[in-house]
Amino acid sequence: AHYFGAIPAVVIGGVGTLAVAALWATAFPQLR
């Protein structure tokens, strides 16, 4: 937020969380 602004900081985080959910569902099939 200090360098890019508060809104981009939150939006990038939301997109990243969605990506993590997809990646972990693939990487940990036993957990899924």
PDB file of all heavy atoms in Angstrom:
ATOM      1  N   ALA A   1       0.830  -1.206   0.000  1.00  0.00           N
ATOM      2  CA  ALA A   1       0.000   0.000   0.000  1.00  0.00           C
ATOM      3  C   ALA A   1       0.863   1.255   0.000  1.00  0.00           C
ATOM      4  O   ALA A   1       0.505   2.270  -0.613  1.00  0.00           O
ATOM      5  CB  ALA A   1      -0.927  -0.004   1.216  1.00  0.00           C
ATOM      6  N   HIS A   2       1.998   1.186   0.679  1.00  0.00           N
ATOM      7  CA  HIS A   2       2.902   2.332   0.740  1.00  0.00           C
ATOM      8  C   HIS A   2       3.447   2.683  -0.647  1.00  0.00           C
ATOM      9  O   HIS A   2       3.591   3.855  -0.998  1.00  0.00           O
ATOM     10  CB  HIS A   2       4.060   2.020   1.696  1.00  0.00           C
ATOM     11  CG  HIS A   2       5.045   3.133   1.850  1.00  0.00           C
ATOM     12  ND1 HIS A   2       4.787   4.272   2.585  1.00  0.00           N
ATOM     13  CD2 HIS A   2       6.305   3.284   1.350  1.00  0.00           C
ATOM     14  CE1 HIS A   2       5.836   5.079   2.544  1.00  0.00           C
ATOM     15  NE2 HIS A   2       6.773   4.500   1.801  1.00  0.00           N
ATOM     16  N   TYR A   3       3.735   1.645  -1.443  1.00  0.00           N
ATOM     17  CA  TYR A   3       4.355   1.882  -2.749  1.00  0.00           C
ATOM     18  C   TYR A   3       3.353   1.922  -3.904  1.00  0.00           C
ATOM     19  O   TYR A   3       3.564   2.643  -4.886  1.00  0.00           O
ATOM     20  CB  TYR A   3       5.409   0.812  -3.033  1.00  0.00           C
ATOM     21  CG  TYR A   3       6.631   0.935  -2.156  1.00  0.00           C
ATOM     22  CD1 TYR A   3       6.840   0.056  -1.096  1.00  0.00           C
ATOM     23  CD2 TYR A   3       7.571   1.937  -2.365  1.00  0.00           C
ATOM     24  CE1 TYR A   3       7.958   0.160  -0.282  1.00  0.00           C
ATOM     25  CE2 TYR A   3       8.688   2.062  -1.550  1.00  0.00           C
ATOM     26  CZ  TYR A   3       8.874   1.172  -0.508  1.00  0.00           C
ATOM     27  OH  TYR A   3       9.981   1.304   0.301  1.00  0.00           O
ATOM     28  N   PHE A   4       2.267   1.146  -3.809  1.00  0.00           N
ATOM     29  CA  PHE A   4       1.345   1.027  -4.940  1.00  0.00           C
ATOM     30  C   PHE A   4      -0.066   1.523  -4.643  1.00  0.00           C
ATOM     31  O   PHE A   4      -0.869   1.669  -5.563  1.00  0.00           O
ATOM     32  CB  PHE A   4       1.256  -0.436  -5.412  1.00  0.00           C
ATOM     33  CG  PHE A   4       2.588  -1.054  -5.724  1.00  0.00           C
ATOM     34  CD1 PHE A   4       3.107  -2.065  -4.940  1.00  0.00           C
ATOM     35  CD2 PHE A   4       3.343  -0.603  -6.803  1.00  0.00           C
ATOM     36  CE1 PHE A   4       4.334  -2.635  -5.213  1.00  0.00           C
ATOM     37  CE2 PHE A   4       4.577  -1.166  -7.093  1.00  0.00           C
ATOM     38  CZ  PHE A   4       5.085  -2.184  -6.289  1.00  0.00           C
ATOM     39  N   GLY A   5      -0.386   1.733  -3.370  1.00  0.00           N
ATOM     40  CA  GLY A   5      -1.727   2.149  -3.006  1.00  0.00           C
ATOM     41  C   GLY A   5      -2.486   1.015  -2.328  1.00  0.00           C
ATOM     42  O   GLY A   5      -2.205  -0.170  -2.551  1.00  0.00           O
ATOM     43  N   ALA A   6      -3.476   1.381  -1.516  1.00  0.00           N
ATOM     44  CA  ALA A   6      -4.205   0.397  -0.725  1.00  0.00           C
ATOM     45  C   ALA A   6      -5.046  -0.538  -1.592  1.00  0.00           C
ATOM     46  O   ALA A   6      -5.100  -1.744  -1.354  1.00  0.00           O
ATOM     47  CB  ALA A   6      -5.092   1.111   0.303  1.00  0.00           C
ATOM     48  N   ILE A   7      -5.720   0.002  -2.593  1.00  0.00           N
ATOM     49  CA  ILE A   7      -6.619  -0.817  -3.418  1.00  0.00           C
ATOM     50  C   ILE A   7      -5.848  -1.892  -4.190  1.00  0.00           C
ATOM     51  O   ILE A   7      -6.211  -3.077  -4.141  1.00  0.00           O
ATOM     52  CB  ILE A   7      -7.451   0.066  -4.359  1.00  0.00           C
ATOM     53  CG1 ILE A   7      -8.430   0.914  -3.536  1.00  0.00           C
ATOM     54  CG2 ILE A   7      -8.209  -0.781  -5.369  1.00  0.00           C
ATOM     55  CD1 ILE A   7      -9.233   1.909  -4.352  1.00  0.00           C
ATOM     56  N   PRO A   8      -4.758  -1.547  -4.917  1.00  0.00           N
ATOM     57  CA  PRO A   8      -3.993  -2.603  -5.592  1.00  0.00           C
ATOM     58  C   PRO A   8      -3.447  -3.650  -4.627  1.00  0.00           C
ATOM     59  O   PRO A   8      -3.404  -4.844  -4.960  1.00  0.00           O
ATOM     60  CB  PRO A   8      -2.850  -1.839  -6.272  1.00  0.00           C
ATOM     61  CG  PRO A   8      -3.383  -0.454  -6.463  1.00  0.00           C
ATOM     62  CD  PRO A   8      -4.242  -0.210  -5.257  1.00  0.00           C
ATOM     63  N   ALA A   9      -3.044  -3.231  -3.424  1.00  0.00           N
ATOM     64  CA  ALA A   9      -2.494  -4.179  -2.447  1.00  0.00           C
ATOM     65  C   ALA A   9      -3.520  -5.240  -2.073  1.00  0.00           C
ATOM     66  O   ALA A   9      -3.197  -6.427  -1.976  1.00  0.00           O
ATOM     67  CB  ALA A   9      -2.023  -3.430  -1.200  1.00  0.00           C
ATOM     68  N   VAL A  10      -4.780  -4.836  -1.890  1.00  0.00           N
ATOM     69  CA  VAL A  10      -5.827  -5.775  -1.512  1.00  0.00           C
ATOM     70  C   VAL A  10      -6.248  -6.637  -2.699  1.00  0.00           C
ATOM     71  O   VAL A  10      -6.443  -7.854  -2.567  1.00  0.00           O
ATOM     72  CB  VAL A  10      -7.042  -5.034  -0.912  1.00  0.00           C
ATOM     73  CG1 VAL A  10      -8.190  -5.999  -0.640  1.00  0.00           C
ATOM     74  CG2 VAL A  10      -6.639  -4.330   0.377  1.00  0.00           C
ATOM     75  N   VAL A  11      -6.393  -6.036  -3.867  1.00  0.00           N
ATOM     76  CA  VAL A  11      -6.827  -6.775  -5.057  1.00  0.00           C
ATOM     77  C   VAL A  11      -5.807  -7.858  -5.421  1.00  0.00           C
ATOM     78  O   VAL A  11      -6.183  -9.008  -5.713  1.00  0.00           O
ATOM     79  CB  VAL A  11      -7.051  -5.820  -6.240  1.00  0.00           C
ATOM     80  CG1 VAL A  11      -7.248  -6.600  -7.542  1.00  0.00           C
ATOM     81  CG2 VAL A  11      -8.262  -4.930  -5.974  1.00  0.00           C
ATOM     82  N   ILE A  12      -4.529  -7.509  -5.404  1.00  0.00           N
ATOM     83  CA  ILE A  12      -3.485  -8.491  -5.705  1.00  0.00           C
ATOM     84  C   ILE A  12      -3.535  -9.642  -4.701  1.00  0.00           C
ATOM     85  O   ILE A  12      -3.394 -10.821  -5.063  1.00  0.00           O
ATOM     86  CB  ILE A  12      -2.096  -7.825  -5.696  1.00  0.00           C
ATOM     87  CG1 ILE A  12      -1.973  -6.868  -6.893  1.00  0.00           C
ATOM     88  CG2 ILE A  12      -0.983  -8.871  -5.730  1.00  0.00           C
ATOM     89  CD1 ILE A  12      -0.731  -6.001  -6.856  1.00  0.00           C
ATOM     90  N   GLY A  13      -3.779  -9.317  -3.442  1.00  0.00           N
ATOM     91  CA  GLY A  13      -3.884 -10.360  -2.425  1.00  0.00           C
ATOM     92  C   GLY A  13      -5.050 -11.299  -2.662  1.00  0.00           C
ATOM     93  O   GLY A  13      -4.931 -12.518  -2.492  1.00  0.00           O
ATOM     94  N   GLY A  14      -6.196 -10.762  -3.071  1.00  0.00           N
ATOM     95  CA  GLY A  14      -7.359 -11.599  -3.349  1.00  0.00           C
ATOM     96  C   GLY A  14      -7.123 -12.560  -4.501  1.00  0.00           C
ATOM     97  O   GLY A  14      -7.459 -13.748  -4.421  1.00  0.00           O
ATOM     98  N   VAL A  15      -6.535 -12.052  -5.569  1.00  0.00           N
ATOM     99  CA  VAL A  15      -6.223 -12.902  -6.721  1.00  0.00           C
ATOM    100  C   VAL A  15      -5.216 -13.975  -6.321  1.00  0.00           C
ATOM    101  O   VAL A  15      -5.332 -15.151  -6.711  1.00  0.00           O
ATOM    102  CB  VAL A  15      -5.678 -12.046  -7.885  1.00  0.00           C
ATOM    103  CG1 VAL A  15      -5.192 -12.934  -9.029  1.00  0.00           C
ATOM    104  CG2 VAL A  15      -6.751 -11.088  -8.393  1.00  0.00           C
ATOM    105  N   GLY A  16      -4.228 -13.602  -5.517  1.00  0.00           N
ATOM    106  CA  GLY A  16      -3.227 -14.557  -5.076  1.00  0.00           C
ATOM    107  C   GLY A  16      -3.827 -15.668  -4.224  1.00  0.00           C
ATOM    108  O   GLY A  16      -3.432 -16.833  -4.337  1.00  0.00           O
ATOM    109  N   THR A  17      -4.790 -15.324  -3.369  1.00  0.00           N
ATOM    110  CA  THR A  17      -5.442 -16.332  -2.535  1.00  0.00           C
ATOM    111  C   THR A  17      -6.198 -17.346  -3.381  1.00  0.00           C
ATOM    112  O   THR A  17      -6.170 -18.555  -3.113  1.00  0.00           O
ATOM    113  CB  THR A  17      -6.394 -15.658  -1.532  1.00  0.00           C
ATOM    114  OG1 THR A  17      -5.651 -14.753  -0.716  1.00  0.00           O
ATOM    115  CG2 THR A  17      -7.069 -16.691  -0.644  1.00  0.00           C
ATOM    116  N   LEU A  18      -6.896 -16.877  -4.404  1.00  0.00           N
ATOM    117  CA  LEU A  18      -7.592 -17.786  -5.315  1.00  0.00           C
ATOM    118  C   LEU A  18      -6.607 -18.734  -5.994  1.00  0.00           C
ATOM    119  O   LEU A  18      -6.869 -19.937  -6.138  1.00  0.00           O
ATOM    120  CB  LEU A  18      -8.363 -16.988  -6.364  1.00  0.00           C
ATOM    121  CG  LEU A  18      -9.608 -16.232  -5.865  1.00  0.00           C
ATOM    122  CD1 LEU A  18     -10.107 -15.266  -6.935  1.00  0.00           C
ATOM    123  CD2 LEU A  18     -10.708 -17.214  -5.495  1.00  0.00           C
ATOM    124  N   ALA A  19      -5.454 -18.201  -6.389  1.00  0.00           N
ATOM    125  CA  ALA A  19      -4.440 -19.035  -7.037  1.00  0.00           C
ATOM    126  C   ALA A  19      -3.888 -20.084  -6.074  1.00  0.00           C
ATOM    127  O   ALA A  19      -3.668 -21.246  -6.450  1.00  0.00           O
ATOM    128  CB  ALA A  19      -3.306 -18.154  -7.571  1.00  0.00           C
ATOM    129  N   VAL A  20      -3.670 -19.701  -4.821  1.00  0.00           N
ATOM    130  CA  VAL A  20      -3.149 -20.635  -3.823  1.00  0.00           C
ATOM    131  C   VAL A  20      -4.127 -21.786  -3.598  1.00  0.00           C
ATOM    132  O   VAL A  20      -3.731 -22.954  -3.501  1.00  0.00           O
ATOM    133  CB  VAL A  20      -2.870 -19.897  -2.500  1.00  0.00           C
ATOM    134  CG1 VAL A  20      -2.687 -20.887  -1.346  1.00  0.00           C
ATOM    135  CG2 VAL A  20      -1.616 -19.042  -2.633  1.00  0.00           C
ATOM    136  N   ALA A  21      -5.425 -21.486  -3.506  1.00  0.00           N
ATOM    137  CA  ALA A  21      -6.429 -22.537  -3.307  1.00  0.00           C
ATOM    138  C   ALA A  21      -6.358 -23.565  -4.431  1.00  0.00           C
ATOM    139  O   ALA A  21      -6.410 -24.781  -4.186  1.00  0.00           O
ATOM    140  CB  ALA A  21      -7.825 -21.926  -3.220  1.00  0.00           C
ATOM    141  N   ALA A  22      -6.221 -23.096  -5.670  1.00  0.00           N
ATOM    142  CA  ALA A  22      -6.155 -24.003  -6.814  1.00  0.00           C
ATOM    143  C   ALA A  22      -4.865 -24.829  -6.789  1.00  0.00           C
ATOM    144  O   ALA A  22      -4.875 -26.045  -7.033  1.00  0.00           O
ATOM    145  CB  ALA A  22      -6.260 -23.212  -8.111  1.00  0.00           C
ATOM    146  N   LEU A  23      -3.745 -24.172  -6.485  1.00  0.00           N
ATOM    147  CA  LEU A  23      -2.455 -24.873  -6.469  1.00  0.00           C
ATOM    148  C   LEU A  23      -2.390 -25.933  -5.374  1.00  0.00           C
ATOM    149  O   LEU A  23      -1.920 -27.055  -5.597  1.00  0.00           O
ATOM    150  CB  LEU A  23      -1.322 -23.860  -6.280  1.00  0.00           C
ATOM    151  CG  LEU A  23      -0.989 -22.974  -7.494  1.00  0.00           C
ATOM    152  CD1 LEU A  23       0.013 -21.895  -7.107  1.00  0.00           C
ATOM    153  CD2 LEU A  23      -0.450 -23.815  -8.642  1.00  0.00           C
ATOM    154  N   TRP A  24      -2.869 -25.599  -4.177  1.00  0.00           N
ATOM    155  CA  TRP A  24      -2.793 -26.552  -3.059  1.00  0.00           C
ATOM    156  C   TRP A  24      -3.750 -27.728  -3.265  1.00  0.00           C
ATOM    157  O   TRP A  24      -3.456 -28.836  -2.847  1.00  0.00           O
ATOM    158  CB  TRP A  24      -3.089 -25.842  -1.739  1.00  0.00           C
ATOM    159  CG  TRP A  24      -1.859 -25.559  -0.925  1.00  0.00           C
ATOM    160  CD1 TRP A  24      -1.534 -26.084   0.291  1.00  0.00           C
ATOM    161  CD2 TRP A  24      -0.779 -24.682  -1.272  1.00  0.00           C
ATOM    162  NE1 TRP A  24      -0.325 -25.600   0.727  1.00  0.00           N
ATOM    163  CE2 TRP A  24       0.168 -24.734  -0.217  1.00  0.00           C
ATOM    164  CE3 TRP A  24      -0.510 -23.867  -2.366  1.00  0.00           C
ATOM    165  CZ2 TRP A  24       1.338 -23.989  -0.235  1.00  0.00           C
ATOM    166  CZ3 TRP A  24       0.663 -23.131  -2.390  1.00  0.00           C
ATOM    167  CH2 TRP A  24       1.564 -23.206  -1.341  1.00  0.00           C
ATOM    168  N   ALA A  25      -4.885 -27.489  -3.903  1.00  0.00           N
ATOM    169  CA  ALA A  25      -5.806 -28.589  -4.185  1.00  0.00           C
ATOM    170  C   ALA A  25      -5.153 -29.608  -5.111  1.00  0.00           C
ATOM    171  O   ALA A  25      -5.432 -30.811  -5.042  1.00  0.00           O
ATOM    172  CB  ALA A  25      -7.091 -28.050  -4.808  1.00  0.00           C
ATOM    173  N   THR A  26      -4.267 -29.124  -5.973  1.00  0.00           N
ATOM    174  CA  THR A  26      -3.542 -30.010  -6.884  1.00  0.00           C
ATOM    175  C   THR A  26      -2.333 -30.657  -6.207  1.00  0.00           C
ATOM    176  O   THR A  26      -2.065 -31.849  -6.384  1.00  0.00           O
ATOM    177  CB  THR A  26      -3.071 -29.222  -8.121  1.00  0.00           C
ATOM    178  OG1 THR A  26      -4.205 -28.615  -8.755  1.00  0.00           O
ATOM    179  CG2 THR A  26      -2.367 -30.132  -9.110  1.00  0.00           C
ATOM    180  N   ALA A  27      -1.612 -29.878  -5.387  1.00  0.00           N
ATOM    181  CA  ALA A  27      -0.364 -30.358  -4.783  1.00  0.00           C
ATOM    182  C   ALA A  27      -0.592 -31.315  -3.611  1.00  0.00           C
ATOM    183  O   ALA A  27       0.283 -32.130  -3.299  1.00  0.00           O
ATOM    184  CB  ALA A  27       0.475 -29.163  -4.323  1.00  0.00           C
ATOM    185  N   PHE A  28      -1.758 -31.223  -2.934  1.00  0.00           N
ATOM    186  CA  PHE A  28      -2.032 -32.074  -1.774  1.00  0.00           C
ATOM    187  C   PHE A  28      -3.327 -32.855  -1.993  1.00  0.00           C
ATOM    188  O   PHE A  28      -4.357 -32.574  -1.357  1.00  0.00           O
ATOM    189  CB  PHE A  28      -2.130 -31.233  -0.501  1.00  0.00           C
ATOM    190  CG  PHE A  28      -0.828 -30.610  -0.081  1.00  0.00           C
ATOM    191  CD1 PHE A  28      -0.476 -29.341  -0.533  1.00  0.00           C
ATOM    192  CD2 PHE A  28       0.047 -31.287   0.757  1.00  0.00           C
ATOM    193  CE1 PHE A  28       0.720 -28.757  -0.153  1.00  0.00           C
ATOM    194  CE2 PHE A  28       1.246 -30.707   1.146  1.00  0.00           C
ATOM    195  CZ  PHE A  28       1.589 -29.444   0.686  1.00  0.00           C
ATOM    196  N   PRO A  29      -3.305 -33.843  -2.886  1.00  0.00           N
ATOM    197  CA  PRO A  29      -4.532 -34.606  -3.165  1.00  0.00           C
ATOM    198  C   PRO A  29      -5.056 -35.363  -1.947  1.00  0.00           C
ATOM    199  O   PRO A  29      -6.270 -35.548  -1.807  1.00  0.00           O
ATOM    200  CB  PRO A  29      -4.093 -35.572  -4.272  1.00  0.00           C
ATOM    201  CG  PRO A  29      -2.602 -35.671  -4.149  1.00  0.00           C
ATOM    202  CD  PRO A  29      -2.155 -34.323  -3.682  1.00  0.00           C
ATOM    203  N   GLN A  30      -4.156 -35.805  -1.053  1.00  0.00           N
ATOM    204  CA  GLN A  30      -4.609 -36.515   0.146  1.00  0.00           C
ATOM    205  C   GLN A  30      -5.456 -35.596   1.024  1.00  0.00           C
ATOM    206  O   GLN A  30      -6.463 -36.017   1.592  1.00  0.00           O
ATOM    207  CB  GLN A  30      -3.410 -37.040   0.935  1.00  0.00           C
ATOM    208  CG  GLN A  30      -3.807 -37.930   2.122  1.00  0.00           C
ATOM    209  CD  GLN A  30      -2.604 -38.409   2.916  1.00  0.00           C
ATOM    210  OE1 GLN A  30      -1.478 -38.013   2.649  1.00  0.00           O
ATOM    211  NE2 GLN A  30      -2.848 -39.255   3.900  1.00  0.00           N
ATOM    212  N   LEU A  31      -5.055 -34.325   1.116  1.00  0.00           N
ATOM    213  CA  LEU A  31      -5.832 -33.356   1.884  1.00  0.00           C
ATOM    214  C   LEU A  31      -7.176 -33.092   1.211  1.00  0.00           C
ATOM    215  O   LEU A  31      -8.211 -33.009   1.874  1.00  0.00           O
ATOM    216  CB  LEU A  31      -5.037 -32.049   2.015  1.00  0.00           C
ATOM    217  CG  LEU A  31      -5.712 -30.889   2.745  1.00  0.00           C
ATOM    218  CD1 LEU A  31      -6.064 -31.272   4.179  1.00  0.00           C
ATOM    219  CD2 LEU A  31      -4.808 -29.657   2.724  1.00  0.00           C
ATOM    220  N   ARG A  32      -7.161 -33.001  -0.103  1.00  0.00           N
ATOM    221  CA  ARG A  32      -8.408 -32.753  -0.844  1.00  0.00           C
ATOM    222  C   ARG A  32      -9.383 -33.907  -0.673  1.00  0.00           C
ATOM    223  O   ARG A  32     -10.600 -33.705  -0.647  1.00  0.00           O
ATOM    224  CB  ARG A  32      -8.088 -32.544  -2.325  1.00  0.00           C
ATOM    225  CG  ARG A  32      -9.274 -32.077  -3.161  1.00  0.00           C
ATOM    226  CD  ARG A  32      -8.911 -31.935  -4.627  1.00  0.00           C
ATOM    227  NE  ARG A  32      -8.643 -33.210  -5.273  1.00  0.00           N
ATOM    228  CZ  ARG A  32      -7.466 -33.593  -5.749  1.00  0.00           C
ATOM    229  NH1 ARG A  32      -6.415 -32.803  -5.649  1.00  0.00           N
ATOM    230  NH2 ARG A  32      -7.310 -34.777  -6.326  1.00  0.00           N
TER     231      ARG A  32
END
